[in-house]
Amino acid sequence: MHHNFLFDLDQTLLDFHASEEKALGIVLRKNGLSFSDEVYPAFKAYNKELWLELEKGTISRTARP
């Protein structure tokens, strides 16, 4: 008998894209930056590029000082 449950939350139980957009707006505004309809698509494109670079190993997750 199995006692484990697996959930696919992204876009199934939660609207990840809406949450991500809202969180980005909150972070930008709290840091004195503006947020508009153009910002989120630009963020998503740049974020995707960074994830691809991370997967290729050309960048790392190590934070810079």
PDB file of N, CA and C in Angstrom:
ATOM      1  N   MET A   1       0.840  -1.182   0.000  1.00  0.00           N
ATOM      2  CA  MET A   1       0.000   0.000   0.000  1.00  0.00           C
ATOM      3  C   MET A   1       0.886   1.246   0.000  1.00  0.00           C
ATOM      4  N   HIS A   2       0.551   2.207  -0.844  1.00  0.00           N
ATOM      5  CA  HIS A   2       1.314   3.449  -0.929  1.00  0.00           C
ATOM      6  C   HIS A   2       0.692   4.515  -0.024  1.00  0.00           C
ATOM      7  N   HIS A   3       1.549   5.292   0.602  1.00  0.00           N
ATOM      8  CA  HIS A   3       1.084   6.352   1.492  1.00  0.00           C
ATOM      9  C   HIS A   3       1.603   7.719   1.056  1.00  0.00           C
ATOM     10  N   ASN A   4       1.958   7.844  -0.191  1.00  0.00           N
ATOM     11  CA  ASN A   4       2.499   9.097  -0.694  1.00  0.00           C
ATOM     12  C   ASN A   4       1.544   9.712  -1.711  1.00  0.00           C
ATOM     13  N   PHE A   5       1.513  11.024  -1.718  1.00  0.00           N
ATOM     14  CA  PHE A   5       0.736  11.756  -2.698  1.00  0.00           C
ATOM     15  C   PHE A   5       1.675  12.700  -3.426  1.00  0.00           C
ATOM     16  N   LEU A   6       1.541  12.782  -4.727  1.00  0.00           N
ATOM     17  CA  LEU A   6       2.312  13.715  -5.530  1.00  0.00           C
ATOM     18  C   LEU A   6       1.363  14.740  -6.130  1.00  0.00           C
ATOM     19  N   PHE A   7       1.733  15.995  -6.042  1.00  0.00           N
ATOM     20  CA  PHE A   7       0.908  17.058  -6.587  1.00  0.00           C
ATOM     21  C   PHE A   7       1.709  17.834  -7.618  1.00  0.00           C
ATOM     22  N   ASP A   8       1.087  18.154  -8.719  1.00  0.00           N
ATOM     23  CA  ASP A   8       1.667  19.042  -9.720  1.00  0.00           C
ATOM     24  C   ASP A   8       1.006  20.394  -9.510  1.00  0.00           C
ATOM     25  N   LEU A   9       1.657  21.261  -8.749  1.00  0.00           N
ATOM     26  CA  LEU A   9       1.053  22.533  -8.386  1.00  0.00           C
ATOM     27  C   LEU A   9       1.086  23.558  -9.499  1.00  0.00           C
ATOM     28  N   ASP A  10       2.199  23.636 -10.229  1.00  0.00           N
ATOM     29  CA  ASP A  10       2.359  24.676 -11.248  1.00  0.00           C
ATOM     30  C   ASP A  10       1.307  24.537 -12.344  1.00  0.00           C
ATOM     31  N   GLN A  11       0.475  25.535 -12.437  1.00  0.00           N
ATOM     32  CA  GLN A  11      -0.572  25.629 -13.450  1.00  0.00           C
ATOM     33  C   GLN A  11      -1.642  24.545 -13.316  1.00  0.00           C
ATOM     34  N   THR A  12      -1.606  23.751 -12.271  1.00  0.00           N
ATOM     35  CA  THR A  12      -2.652  22.768 -12.034  1.00  0.00           C
ATOM     36  C   THR A  12      -3.495  23.226 -10.853  1.00  0.00           C
ATOM     37  N   LEU A  13      -2.899  23.289  -9.691  1.00  0.00           N
ATOM     38  CA  LEU A  13      -3.610  23.754  -8.499  1.00  0.00           C
ATOM     39  C   LEU A  13      -3.352  25.232  -8.221  1.00  0.00           C
ATOM     40  N   LEU A  14      -2.235  25.744  -8.690  1.00  0.00           N
ATOM     41  CA  LEU A  14      -1.868  27.150  -8.488  1.00  0.00           C
ATOM     42  C   LEU A  14      -1.609  27.820  -9.834  1.00  0.00           C
ATOM     43  N   ASP A  15      -1.942  29.092  -9.926  1.00  0.00           N
ATOM     44  CA  ASP A  15      -1.622  29.864 -11.124  1.00  0.00           C
ATOM     45  C   ASP A  15      -0.246  30.485 -10.908  1.00  0.00           C
ATOM     46  N   PHE A  16       0.788  29.718 -11.240  1.00  0.00           N
ATOM     47  CA  PHE A  16       2.155  30.127 -10.972  1.00  0.00           C
ATOM     48  C   PHE A  16       2.503  31.431 -11.678  1.00  0.00           C
ATOM     49  N   HIS A  17       2.079  31.592 -12.928  1.00  0.00           N
ATOM     50  CA  HIS A  17       2.435  32.796 -13.691  1.00  0.00           C
ATOM     51  C   HIS A  17       1.838  34.057 -13.066  1.00  0.00           C
ATOM     52  N   ALA A  18       0.594  33.976 -12.626  1.00  0.00           N
ATOM     53  CA  ALA A  18      -0.027  35.138 -11.979  1.00  0.00           C
ATOM     54  C   ALA A  18       0.676  35.469 -10.665  1.00  0.00           C
ATOM     55  N   SER A  19       1.030  34.445  -9.901  1.00  0.00           N
ATOM     56  CA  SER A  19       1.740  34.665  -8.637  1.00  0.00           C
ATOM     57  C   SER A  19       3.118  35.256  -8.874  1.00  0.00           C
ATOM     58  N   GLU A  20       3.807  34.752  -9.899  1.00  0.00           N
ATOM     59  CA  GLU A  20       5.140  35.252 -10.234  1.00  0.00           C
ATOM     60  C   GLU A  20       5.068  36.723 -10.649  1.00  0.00           C
ATOM     61  N   GLU A  21       4.086  37.057 -11.472  1.00  0.00           N
ATOM     62  CA  GLU A  21       3.936  38.447 -11.933  1.00  0.00           C
ATOM     63  C   GLU A  21       3.627  39.379 -10.760  1.00  0.00           C
ATOM     64  N   LYS A  22       2.740  38.950  -9.890  1.00  0.00           N
ATOM     65  CA  LYS A  22       2.388  39.771  -8.731  1.00  0.00           C
ATOM     66  C   LYS A  22       3.591  39.963  -7.813  1.00  0.00           C
ATOM     67  N   ALA A  23       4.325  38.887  -7.554  1.00  0.00           N
ATOM     68  CA  ALA A  23       5.508  38.970  -6.689  1.00  0.00           C
ATOM     69  C   ALA A  23       6.571  39.881  -7.286  1.00  0.00           C
ATOM     70  N   LEU A  24       6.781  39.794  -8.594  1.00  0.00           N
ATOM     71  CA  LEU A  24       7.760  40.666  -9.245  1.00  0.00           C
ATOM     72  C   LEU A  24       7.358  42.129  -9.081  1.00  0.00           C
ATOM     73  N   GLY A  25       6.079  42.423  -9.274  1.00  0.00           N
ATOM     74  CA  GLY A  25       5.601  43.792  -9.094  1.00  0.00           C
ATOM     75  C   GLY A  25       5.826  44.292  -7.681  1.00  0.00           C
ATOM     76  N   ILE A  26       5.562  43.454  -6.697  1.00  0.00           N
ATOM     77  CA  ILE A  26       5.752  43.827  -5.293  1.00  0.00           C
ATOM     78  C   ILE A  26       7.221  44.124  -5.010  1.00  0.00           C
ATOM     79  N   VAL A  27       8.107  43.243  -5.467  1.00  0.00           N
ATOM     80  CA  VAL A  27       9.540  43.420  -5.220  1.00  0.00           C
ATOM     81  C   VAL A  27      10.055  44.694  -5.892  1.00  0.00           C
ATOM     82  N   LEU A  28       9.667  44.911  -7.144  1.00  0.00           N
ATOM     83  CA  LEU A  28      10.136  46.107  -7.844  1.00  0.00           C
ATOM     84  C   LEU A  28       9.643  47.382  -7.160  1.00  0.00           C
ATOM     85  N   ARG A  29       8.360  47.429  -6.843  1.00  0.00           N
ATOM     86  CA  ARG A  29       7.807  48.637  -6.206  1.00  0.00           C
ATOM     87  C   ARG A  29       8.431  48.901  -4.838  1.00  0.00           C
ATOM     88  N   LYS A  30       8.662  47.834  -4.067  1.00  0.00           N
ATOM     89  CA  LYS A  30       9.280  48.017  -2.739  1.00  0.00           C
ATOM     90  C   LYS A  30      10.712  48.526  -2.842  1.00  0.00           C
ATOM     91  N   ASN A  31      11.315  48.359  -4.016  1.00  0.00           N
ATOM     92  CA  ASN A  31      12.678  48.837  -4.227  1.00  0.00           C
ATOM     93  C   ASN A  31      12.710  50.101  -5.076  1.00  0.00           C
ATOM     94  N   GLY A  32      11.576  50.782  -5.158  1.00  0.00           N
ATOM     95  CA  GLY A  32      11.507  52.065  -5.836  1.00  0.00           C
ATOM     96  C   GLY A  32      11.524  51.988  -7.350  1.00  0.00           C
ATOM     97  N   LEU A  33      11.238  50.840  -7.915  1.00  0.00           N
ATOM     98  CA  LEU A  33      11.232  50.676  -9.368  1.00  0.00           C
ATOM     99  C   LEU A  33       9.801  50.574  -9.870  1.00  0.00           C
ATOM    100  N   SER A  34       9.611  50.915 -11.130  1.00  0.00           N
ATOM    101  CA  SER A  34       8.260  50.868 -11.690  1.00  0.00           C
ATOM    102  C   SER A  34       7.966  49.488 -12.258  1.00  0.00           C
ATOM    103  N   PHE A  35       6.693  49.185 -12.340  1.00  0.00           N
ATOM    104  CA  PHE A  35       6.232  47.925 -12.896  1.00  0.00           C
ATOM    105  C   PHE A  35       5.129  48.235 -13.897  1.00  0.00           C
ATOM    106  N   SER A  36       5.251  47.681 -15.098  1.00  0.00           N
ATOM    107  CA  SER A  36       4.243  47.909 -16.135  1.00  0.00           C
ATOM    108  C   SER A  36       3.972  46.595 -16.872  1.00  0.00           C
ATOM    109  N   ASP A  37       3.059  46.638 -17.797  1.00  0.00           N
ATOM    110  CA  ASP A  37       2.712  45.436 -18.565  1.00  0.00           C
ATOM    111  C   ASP A  37       3.888  44.903 -19.379  1.00  0.00           C
ATOM    112  N   GLU A  38       4.852  45.743 -19.687  1.00  0.00           N
ATOM    113  CA  GLU A  38       6.011  45.318 -20.475  1.00  0.00           C
ATOM    114  C   GLU A  38       7.093  44.650 -19.632  1.00  0.00           C
ATOM    115  N   VAL A  39       7.090  44.908 -18.349  1.00  0.00           N
ATOM    116  CA  VAL A  39       8.167  44.424 -17.472  1.00  0.00           C
ATOM    117  C   VAL A  39       8.126  42.905 -17.310  1.00  0.00           C
ATOM    118  N   TYR A  40       6.960  42.351 -17.057  1.00  0.00           N
ATOM    119  CA  TYR A  40       6.877  40.916 -16.780  1.00  0.00           C
ATOM    120  C   TYR A  40       7.320  40.071 -17.976  1.00  0.00           C
ATOM    121  N   PRO A  41       6.860  40.332 -19.203  1.00  0.00           N
ATOM    122  CA  PRO A  41       7.359  39.534 -20.345  1.00  0.00           C
ATOM    123  C   PRO A  41       8.876  39.664 -20.533  1.00  0.00           C
ATOM    124  N   ALA A  42       9.412  40.865 -20.288  1.00  0.00           N
ATOM    125  CA  ALA A  42      10.861  41.049 -20.398  1.00  0.00           C
ATOM    126  C   ALA A  42      11.583  40.236 -19.333  1.00  0.00           C
ATOM    127  N   PHE A  43      11.061  40.248 -18.108  1.00  0.00           N
ATOM    128  CA  PHE A  43      11.628  39.440 -17.028  1.00  0.00           C
ATOM    129  C   PHE A  43      11.602  37.957 -17.389  1.00  0.00           C
ATOM    130  N   LYS A  44      10.464  37.481 -17.897  1.00  0.00           N
ATOM    131  CA  LYS A  44      10.335  36.064 -18.239  1.00  0.00           C
ATOM    132  C   LYS A  44      11.348  35.659 -19.305  1.00  0.00           C
ATOM    133  N   ALA A  45      11.542  36.496 -20.314  1.00  0.00           N
ATOM    134  CA  ALA A  45      12.500  36.186 -21.380  1.00  0.00           C
ATOM    135  C   ALA A  45      13.921  36.120 -20.822  1.00  0.00           C
ATOM    136  N   TYR A  46      14.285  37.096 -20.010  1.00  0.00           N
ATOM    137  CA  TYR A  46      15.627  37.119 -19.421  1.00  0.00           C
ATOM    138  C   TYR A  46      15.823  35.952 -18.459  1.00  0.00           C
ATOM    139  N   ASN A  47      14.812  35.666 -17.658  1.00  0.00           N
ATOM    140  CA  ASN A  47      14.871  34.559 -16.712  1.00  0.00           C
ATOM    141  C   ASN A  47      15.054  33.236 -17.446  1.00  0.00           C
ATOM    142  N   LYS A  48      14.349  33.060 -18.557  1.00  0.00           N
ATOM    143  CA  LYS A  48      14.481  31.831 -19.344  1.00  0.00           C
ATOM    144  C   LYS A  48      15.904  31.670 -19.862  1.00  0.00           C
ATOM    145  N   GLU A  49      16.482  32.775 -20.366  1.00  0.00           N
ATOM    146  CA  GLU A  49      17.869  32.741 -20.843  1.00  0.00           C
ATOM    147  C   GLU A  49      18.823  32.327 -19.724  1.00  0.00           C
ATOM    148  N   LEU A  50      18.617  32.878 -18.536  1.00  0.00           N
ATOM    149  CA  LEU A  50      19.490  32.540 -17.417  1.00  0.00           C
ATOM    150  C   LEU A  50      19.372  31.069 -17.035  1.00  0.00           C
ATOM    151  N   TRP A  51      18.147  30.529 -17.016  1.00  0.00           N
ATOM    152  CA  TRP A  51      17.973  29.107 -16.707  1.00  0.00           C
ATOM    153  C   TRP A  51      18.670  28.232 -17.737  1.00  0.00           C
ATOM    154  N   LEU A  52      18.595  28.605 -19.013  1.00  0.00           N
ATOM    155  CA  LEU A  52      19.270  27.831 -20.058  1.00  0.00           C
ATOM    156  C   LEU A  52      20.782  27.867 -19.861  1.00  0.00           C
ATOM    157  N   GLU A  53      21.313  29.034 -19.510  1.00  0.00           N
ATOM    158  CA  GLU A  53      22.751  29.154 -19.249  1.00  0.00           C
ATOM    159  C   GLU A  53      23.154  28.312 -18.041  1.00  0.00           C
ATOM    160  N   LEU A  54      22.317  28.300 -17.014  1.00  0.00           N
ATOM    161  CA  LEU A  54      22.589  27.486 -15.832  1.00  0.00           C
ATOM    162  C   LEU A  54      22.606  25.997 -16.196  1.00  0.00           C
ATOM    163  N   GLU A  55      21.647  25.571 -17.000  1.00  0.00           N
ATOM    164  CA  GLU A  55      21.593  24.172 -17.420  1.00  0.00           C
ATOM    165  C   GLU A  55      22.811  23.781 -18.251  1.00  0.00           C
ATOM    166  N   LYS A  56      23.322  24.714 -19.060  1.00  0.00           N
ATOM    167  CA  LYS A  56      24.518  24.446 -19.872  1.00  0.00           C
ATOM    168  C   LYS A  56      25.794  24.479 -19.033  1.00  0.00           C
ATOM    169  N   GLY A  57      25.705  25.046 -17.836  1.00  0.00           N
ATOM    170  CA  GLY A  57      26.862  25.132 -16.965  1.00  0.00           C
ATOM    171  C   GLY A  57      27.733  26.345 -17.220  1.00  0.00           C
ATOM    172  N   THR A  58      27.241  27.290 -18.016  1.00  0.00           N
ATOM    173  CA  THR A  58      28.033  28.484 -18.301  1.00  0.00           C
ATOM    174  C   THR A  58      27.917  29.542 -17.199  1.00  0.00           C
ATOM    175  N   ILE A  59      26.931  29.393 -16.335  1.00  0.00           N
ATOM    176  CA  ILE A  59      26.818  30.232 -15.138  1.00  0.00           C
ATOM    177  C   ILE A  59      26.517  29.320 -13.964  1.00  0.00           C
ATOM    178  N   SER A  60      26.676  29.855 -12.746  1.00  0.00           N
ATOM    179  CA  SER A  60      26.378  29.051 -11.558  1.00  0.00           C
ATOM    180  C   SER A  60      25.354  29.796 -10.703  1.00  0.00           C
ATOM    181  N   ARG A  61      24.838  29.101  -9.712  1.00  0.00           N
ATOM    182  CA  ARG A  61      23.861  29.692  -8.801  1.00  0.00           C
ATOM    183  C   ARG A  61      24.528  30.435  -7.655  1.00  0.00           C
ATOM    184  N   THR A  62      25.828  30.408  -7.578  1.00  0.00           N
ATOM    185  CA  THR A  62      26.542  31.056  -6.487  1.00  0.00           C
ATOM    186  C   THR A  62      26.313  32.562  -6.537  1.00  0.00           C
ATOM    187  N   ALA A  63      25.903  33.097  -5.416  1.00  0.00           N
ATOM    188  CA  ALA A  63      25.661  34.542  -5.331  1.00  0.00           C
ATOM    189  C   ALA A  63      26.975  35.297  -5.337  1.00  0.00           C
ATOM    190  N   ARG A  64      26.942  36.426  -5.963  1.00  0.00           N
ATOM    191  CA  ARG A  64      28.126  37.293  -5.960  1.00  0.00           C
ATOM    192  C   ARG A  64      28.089  38.182  -4.725  1.00  0.00           C
ATOM    193  N   PRO A  65      29.265  38.483  -4.161  1.00  0.00           N
ATOM    194  CA  PRO A  65      29.291  39.354  -2.967  1.00  0.00           C
ATOM    195  C   PRO A  65      28.891  40.784  -3.291  1.00  0.00           C
TER     196      PRO A  65
END
